[in-house]
Amino acid sequence: MRSTSLTRLAEDQLDKARAASSGRAAVTVHGGHEHDLRQTLIALAAGHTLGEHDAPGEATLQVLVGTVRLTAGDEVWEGTAGDHVVIPPRRHDLHAATDAAVLLTVATRA
């Protein structure tokens, strides 16, 4: 059994995001192309956006740190630490209102 401190991982990735010109950093927590379930911790420095992109399949987003805004068409969701949302199956973007870290979980096979 493997255990990971998401708190520590979020802090590490936020440090990297703040230092990166893109304002973001990410690390795979679980999975990869050989797994049906993939979890990625994404950190965004305040004011930065993960630009509009297609939904990766069935996916959820859990806010670990900070405040984010997920926009999918006319739908807008704002979340803070502890909040969870099912990502709509269409193009969307993610904006960090503050320094933020989220856990993206994607099911690649139904």
N, C-alpha and C. Protein backbone atom coordinates (compact mmCIF):
# COMPACT_ATOMS: atom_id res chain seq x y z
N MET A 1 0.85 -1.17 0.00
CA MET A 1 0.00 0.00 0.00
C MET A 1 0.90 1.24 0.00
N ARG A 2 0.58 2.17 -0.90
CA ARG A 2 1.38 3.39 -1.01
C ARG A 2 0.57 4.58 -0.53
N SER A 3 1.17 5.41 0.28
CA SER A 3 0.49 6.58 0.84
C SER A 3 1.21 7.85 0.38
N THR A 4 0.44 8.90 0.13
CA THR A 4 1.00 10.18 -0.30
C THR A 4 0.37 11.30 0.51
N SER A 5 1.17 12.23 0.99
CA SER A 5 0.65 13.41 1.67
C SER A 5 0.29 14.44 0.60
N LEU A 6 -1.01 14.60 0.36
CA LEU A 6 -1.45 15.59 -0.63
C LEU A 6 -1.13 17.00 -0.16
N THR A 7 -1.13 17.23 1.14
CA THR A 7 -0.79 18.55 1.68
C THR A 7 0.64 18.91 1.32
N ARG A 8 1.56 18.01 1.58
CA ARG A 8 2.97 18.26 1.27
C ARG A 8 3.18 18.39 -0.24
N LEU A 9 2.55 17.50 -1.00
CA LEU A 9 2.68 17.53 -2.45
C LEU A 9 2.14 18.84 -3.02
N ALA A 10 1.02 19.32 -2.48
CA ALA A 10 0.44 20.59 -2.93
C ALA A 10 1.40 21.75 -2.64
N GLU A 11 2.00 21.75 -1.46
CA GLU A 11 2.96 22.81 -1.12
C GLU A 11 4.15 22.79 -2.08
N ASP A 12 4.68 21.61 -2.36
CA ASP A 12 5.82 21.48 -3.27
C ASP A 12 5.46 21.97 -4.67
N GLN A 13 4.30 21.57 -5.17
CA GLN A 13 3.90 21.97 -6.51
C GLN A 13 3.56 23.45 -6.59
N LEU A 14 3.02 24.02 -5.51
CA LEU A 14 2.76 25.46 -5.50
C LEU A 14 4.07 26.24 -5.55
N ASP A 15 5.09 25.78 -4.86
CA ASP A 15 6.40 26.43 -4.95
C ASP A 15 6.90 26.42 -6.39
N LYS A 16 6.74 25.30 -7.08
CA LYS A 16 7.17 25.20 -8.48
C LYS A 16 6.32 26.09 -9.38
N ALA A 17 5.01 26.14 -9.13
CA ALA A 17 4.13 26.97 -9.95
C ALA A 17 4.47 28.45 -9.81
N ARG A 18 4.75 28.88 -8.59
CA ARG A 18 5.10 30.29 -8.36
C ARG A 18 6.39 30.67 -9.09
N ALA A 19 7.30 29.72 -9.22
CA ALA A 19 8.59 29.98 -9.87
C ALA A 19 8.53 29.82 -11.39
N ALA A 20 7.50 29.14 -11.90
CA ALA A 20 7.40 28.87 -13.34
C ALA A 20 6.80 30.06 -14.09
N SER A 21 7.30 30.32 -15.29
CA SER A 21 6.75 31.42 -16.09
C SER A 21 5.29 31.16 -16.47
N SER A 22 4.91 29.89 -16.57
CA SER A 22 3.53 29.52 -16.90
C SER A 22 2.60 29.66 -15.70
N GLY A 23 3.19 29.75 -14.50
CA GLY A 23 2.39 29.85 -13.29
C GLY A 23 1.71 28.56 -12.89
N ARG A 24 2.21 27.44 -13.41
CA ARG A 24 1.58 26.17 -13.06
C ARG A 24 2.61 25.05 -12.95
N ALA A 25 2.20 24.01 -12.24
CA ALA A 25 3.01 22.80 -12.09
C ALA A 25 2.05 21.65 -11.84
N ALA A 26 2.47 20.45 -12.21
CA ALA A 26 1.61 19.28 -12.02
C ALA A 26 2.45 18.04 -11.81
N VAL A 27 1.87 17.09 -11.11
CA VAL A 27 2.53 15.81 -10.88
C VAL A 27 1.46 14.71 -10.84
N THR A 28 1.78 13.57 -11.40
CA THR A 28 0.87 12.43 -11.34
C THR A 28 0.94 11.82 -9.95
N VAL A 29 -0.21 11.67 -9.32
CA VAL A 29 -0.30 11.06 -8.00
C VAL A 29 -0.51 9.55 -8.14
N HIS A 30 -1.36 9.18 -9.10
CA HIS A 30 -1.64 7.77 -9.35
C HIS A 30 -1.98 7.59 -10.82
N GLY A 31 -1.57 6.46 -11.35
CA GLY A 31 -1.99 6.09 -12.69
C GLY A 31 -0.99 6.44 -13.76
N GLY A 32 -1.52 6.63 -14.92
CA GLY A 32 -0.73 6.82 -16.12
C GLY A 32 -1.46 6.12 -17.24
N HIS A 33 -0.83 6.01 -18.38
CA HIS A 33 -1.51 5.43 -19.54
C HIS A 33 -1.86 3.96 -19.38
N GLU A 34 -1.20 3.27 -18.48
CA GLU A 34 -1.48 1.85 -18.29
C GLU A 34 -2.58 1.59 -17.26
N HIS A 35 -3.17 2.64 -16.68
CA HIS A 35 -4.21 2.51 -15.66
C HIS A 35 -5.54 3.07 -16.17
N ASP A 36 -6.63 2.58 -15.60
CA ASP A 36 -7.96 3.10 -15.92
C ASP A 36 -8.30 4.35 -15.11
N LEU A 37 -7.60 4.55 -14.01
CA LEU A 37 -7.82 5.70 -13.15
C LEU A 37 -6.53 6.51 -13.09
N ARG A 38 -6.67 7.83 -13.29
CA ARG A 38 -5.50 8.70 -13.25
C ARG A 38 -5.80 9.87 -12.32
N GLN A 39 -4.86 10.17 -11.43
CA GLN A 39 -5.00 11.32 -10.53
C GLN A 39 -3.78 12.21 -10.68
N THR A 40 -4.05 13.49 -10.89
CA THR A 40 -2.99 14.47 -11.08
C THR A 40 -3.22 15.64 -10.15
N LEU A 41 -2.17 16.04 -9.43
CA LEU A 41 -2.24 17.23 -8.61
C LEU A 41 -1.73 18.39 -9.46
N ILE A 42 -2.58 19.40 -9.61
CA ILE A 42 -2.25 20.58 -10.43
C ILE A 42 -2.19 21.79 -9.51
N ALA A 43 -1.11 22.54 -9.61
CA ALA A 43 -0.95 23.77 -8.83
C ALA A 43 -0.93 24.96 -9.79
N LEU A 44 -1.66 26.00 -9.43
CA LEU A 44 -1.69 27.23 -10.22
C LEU A 44 -1.41 28.42 -9.30
N ALA A 45 -0.49 29.27 -9.71
CA ALA A 45 -0.23 30.50 -8.97
C ALA A 45 -1.42 31.44 -9.18
N ALA A 46 -1.66 32.30 -8.21
CA ALA A 46 -2.78 33.24 -8.27
C ALA A 46 -2.81 33.99 -9.60
N GLY A 47 -4.00 34.06 -10.19
CA GLY A 47 -4.18 34.80 -11.44
C GLY A 47 -3.90 34.01 -12.70
N HIS A 48 -3.38 32.81 -12.58
CA HIS A 48 -3.06 32.00 -13.76
C HIS A 48 -4.22 31.06 -14.11
N THR A 49 -4.24 30.67 -15.38
CA THR A 49 -5.33 29.85 -15.91
C THR A 49 -4.78 28.66 -16.67
N LEU A 50 -5.44 27.54 -16.48
CA LEU A 50 -5.21 26.37 -17.33
C LEU A 50 -6.22 26.56 -18.45
N GLY A 51 -5.74 27.00 -19.62
CA GLY A 51 -6.60 27.43 -20.72
C GLY A 51 -7.63 26.41 -21.15
N GLU A 52 -8.59 26.89 -21.92
CA GLU A 52 -9.69 26.04 -22.37
C GLU A 52 -9.17 24.80 -23.08
N HIS A 53 -9.74 23.67 -22.70
CA HIS A 53 -9.33 22.38 -23.26
C HIS A 53 -10.50 21.41 -23.20
N ASP A 54 -10.42 20.32 -23.95
CA ASP A 54 -11.47 19.31 -23.95
C ASP A 54 -11.46 18.53 -22.65
N ALA A 55 -12.63 18.05 -22.26
CA ALA A 55 -12.72 17.18 -21.09
C ALA A 55 -11.99 15.88 -21.39
N PRO A 56 -11.23 15.38 -20.42
CA PRO A 56 -10.41 14.19 -20.65
C PRO A 56 -11.18 12.88 -20.53
N GLY A 57 -12.49 12.94 -20.40
CA GLY A 57 -13.31 11.77 -20.11
C GLY A 57 -14.06 12.07 -18.83
N GLU A 58 -14.55 11.04 -18.17
CA GLU A 58 -15.24 11.24 -16.91
C GLU A 58 -14.22 11.71 -15.88
N ALA A 59 -14.49 12.87 -15.25
CA ALA A 59 -13.48 13.46 -14.38
C ALA A 59 -14.10 14.26 -13.24
N THR A 60 -13.35 14.35 -12.14
CA THR A 60 -13.75 15.18 -11.01
C THR A 60 -12.57 16.06 -10.61
N LEU A 61 -12.90 17.12 -9.90
CA LEU A 61 -11.89 18.06 -9.41
C LEU A 61 -12.15 18.30 -7.93
N GLN A 62 -11.12 18.15 -7.12
CA GLN A 62 -11.21 18.44 -5.69
C GLN A 62 -10.21 19.54 -5.38
N VAL A 63 -10.69 20.61 -4.77
CA VAL A 63 -9.81 21.72 -4.40
C VAL A 63 -9.11 21.37 -3.09
N LEU A 64 -7.79 21.40 -3.12
CA LEU A 64 -6.99 21.10 -1.93
C LEU A 64 -6.57 22.37 -1.20
N VAL A 65 -6.23 23.41 -1.97
CA VAL A 65 -5.74 24.67 -1.42
C VAL A 65 -6.28 25.80 -2.29
N GLY A 66 -6.68 26.90 -1.67
CA GLY A 66 -7.02 28.10 -2.43
C GLY A 66 -8.42 28.13 -3.00
N THR A 67 -8.59 29.03 -3.99
CA THR A 67 -9.88 29.26 -4.63
C THR A 67 -9.70 29.20 -6.14
N VAL A 68 -10.57 28.42 -6.81
CA VAL A 68 -10.50 28.28 -8.26
C VAL A 68 -11.88 28.52 -8.88
N ARG A 69 -11.86 28.78 -10.18
CA ARG A 69 -13.10 28.93 -10.95
C ARG A 69 -13.01 28.03 -12.17
N LEU A 70 -13.97 27.14 -12.33
CA LEU A 70 -14.06 26.26 -13.48
C LEU A 70 -15.18 26.79 -14.37
N THR A 71 -14.87 27.07 -15.63
CA THR A 71 -15.86 27.59 -16.56
C THR A 71 -16.00 26.61 -17.71
N ALA A 72 -17.26 26.20 -17.96
CA ALA A 72 -17.57 25.29 -19.06
C ALA A 72 -18.77 25.87 -19.79
N GLY A 73 -18.51 26.57 -20.90
CA GLY A 73 -19.59 27.24 -21.60
C GLY A 73 -20.18 28.33 -20.72
N ASP A 74 -21.51 28.28 -20.50
CA ASP A 74 -22.19 29.26 -19.67
C ASP A 74 -22.17 28.90 -18.18
N GLU A 75 -21.70 27.70 -17.86
CA GLU A 75 -21.66 27.26 -16.47
C GLU A 75 -20.36 27.70 -15.81
N VAL A 76 -20.49 28.25 -14.60
CA VAL A 76 -19.32 28.67 -13.83
C VAL A 76 -19.45 28.08 -12.42
N TRP A 77 -18.36 27.47 -11.96
CA TRP A 77 -18.32 26.91 -10.60
C TRP A 77 -17.11 27.49 -9.90
N GLU A 78 -17.32 27.97 -8.67
CA GLU A 78 -16.21 28.46 -7.86
C GLU A 78 -16.07 27.55 -6.66
N GLY A 79 -14.84 27.12 -6.41
CA GLY A 79 -14.60 26.21 -5.31
C GLY A 79 -13.44 26.65 -4.45
N THR A 80 -13.51 26.27 -3.18
CA THR A 80 -12.43 26.52 -2.24
C THR A 80 -12.01 25.20 -1.61
N ALA A 81 -10.96 25.24 -0.82
CA ALA A 81 -10.41 24.02 -0.21
C ALA A 81 -11.51 23.16 0.38
N GLY A 82 -11.52 21.89 -0.02
CA GLY A 82 -12.51 20.93 0.46
C GLY A 82 -13.67 20.73 -0.50
N ASP A 83 -13.82 21.61 -1.49
CA ASP A 83 -14.92 21.48 -2.45
C ASP A 83 -14.58 20.47 -3.54
N HIS A 84 -15.62 19.89 -4.13
CA HIS A 84 -15.48 18.83 -5.14
C HIS A 84 -16.53 19.07 -6.22
N VAL A 85 -16.17 18.84 -7.47
CA VAL A 85 -17.12 19.01 -8.57
C VAL A 85 -16.86 17.95 -9.64
N VAL A 86 -17.94 17.52 -10.28
CA VAL A 86 -17.82 16.65 -11.46
C VAL A 86 -17.63 17.59 -12.65
N ILE A 87 -16.58 17.38 -13.41
CA ILE A 87 -16.27 18.25 -14.55
C ILE A 87 -17.21 17.93 -15.70
N PRO A 88 -17.89 18.94 -16.26
CA PRO A 88 -18.79 18.69 -17.38
C PRO A 88 -18.02 18.11 -18.58
N PRO A 89 -18.66 17.24 -19.34
CA PRO A 89 -17.98 16.58 -20.47
C PRO A 89 -17.90 17.47 -21.72
N ARG A 90 -17.32 18.65 -21.56
CA ARG A 90 -17.14 19.58 -22.69
C ARG A 90 -15.95 20.49 -22.39
N ARG A 91 -15.62 21.34 -23.35
CA ARG A 91 -14.48 22.24 -23.18
C ARG A 91 -14.67 23.11 -21.94
N HIS A 92 -13.56 23.34 -21.25
CA HIS A 92 -13.61 24.11 -20.02
C HIS A 92 -12.23 24.69 -19.73
N ASP A 93 -12.18 25.63 -18.79
CA ASP A 93 -10.89 26.14 -18.31
C ASP A 93 -10.93 26.22 -16.79
N LEU A 94 -9.75 26.39 -16.21
CA LEU A 94 -9.62 26.46 -14.76
C LEU A 94 -8.77 27.68 -14.43
N HIS A 95 -9.30 28.56 -13.59
CA HIS A 95 -8.60 29.79 -13.22
C HIS A 95 -8.37 29.81 -11.71
N ALA A 96 -7.18 30.22 -11.29
CA ALA A 96 -6.86 30.33 -9.87
C ALA A 96 -7.05 31.77 -9.40
N ALA A 97 -8.03 31.98 -8.54
CA ALA A 97 -8.25 33.31 -7.97
C ALA A 97 -7.16 33.62 -6.93
N THR A 98 -6.68 32.57 -6.26
CA THR A 98 -5.57 32.65 -5.31
C THR A 98 -4.61 31.53 -5.68
N ASP A 99 -3.45 31.48 -5.04
CA ASP A 99 -2.61 30.30 -5.21
C ASP A 99 -3.49 29.10 -4.90
N ALA A 100 -3.47 28.09 -5.77
CA ALA A 100 -4.40 26.98 -5.60
C ALA A 100 -3.78 25.66 -6.05
N ALA A 101 -4.25 24.59 -5.42
CA ALA A 101 -3.87 23.24 -5.82
C ALA A 101 -5.13 22.40 -5.86
N VAL A 102 -5.26 21.61 -6.91
CA VAL A 102 -6.44 20.76 -7.09
C VAL A 102 -6.00 19.34 -7.41
N LEU A 103 -6.88 18.40 -7.11
CA LEU A 103 -6.64 17.01 -7.46
C LEU A 103 -7.63 16.65 -8.57
N LEU A 104 -7.10 16.39 -9.76
CA LEU A 104 -7.90 15.98 -10.91
C LEU A 104 -7.91 14.46 -10.96
N THR A 105 -9.10 13.87 -10.97
CA THR A 105 -9.25 12.43 -11.09
C THR A 105 -9.98 12.13 -12.38
N VAL A 106 -9.39 11.28 -13.22
CA VAL A 106 -9.95 10.95 -14.53
C VAL A 106 -10.09 9.44 -14.65
N ALA A 107 -11.28 9.00 -15.04
CA ALA A 107 -11.51 7.59 -15.37
C ALA A 107 -11.35 7.48 -16.88
N THR A 108 -10.36 6.73 -17.32
CA THR A 108 -10.08 6.65 -18.76
C THR A 108 -10.86 5.55 -19.45
N ARG A 109 -11.51 4.70 -18.68
CA ARG A 109 -12.31 3.61 -19.25
C ARG A 109 -13.55 3.41 -18.40
N ALA A 110 -14.69 3.26 -19.04
CA ALA A 110 -15.94 3.06 -18.29
C ALA A 110 -16.18 1.59 -18.04
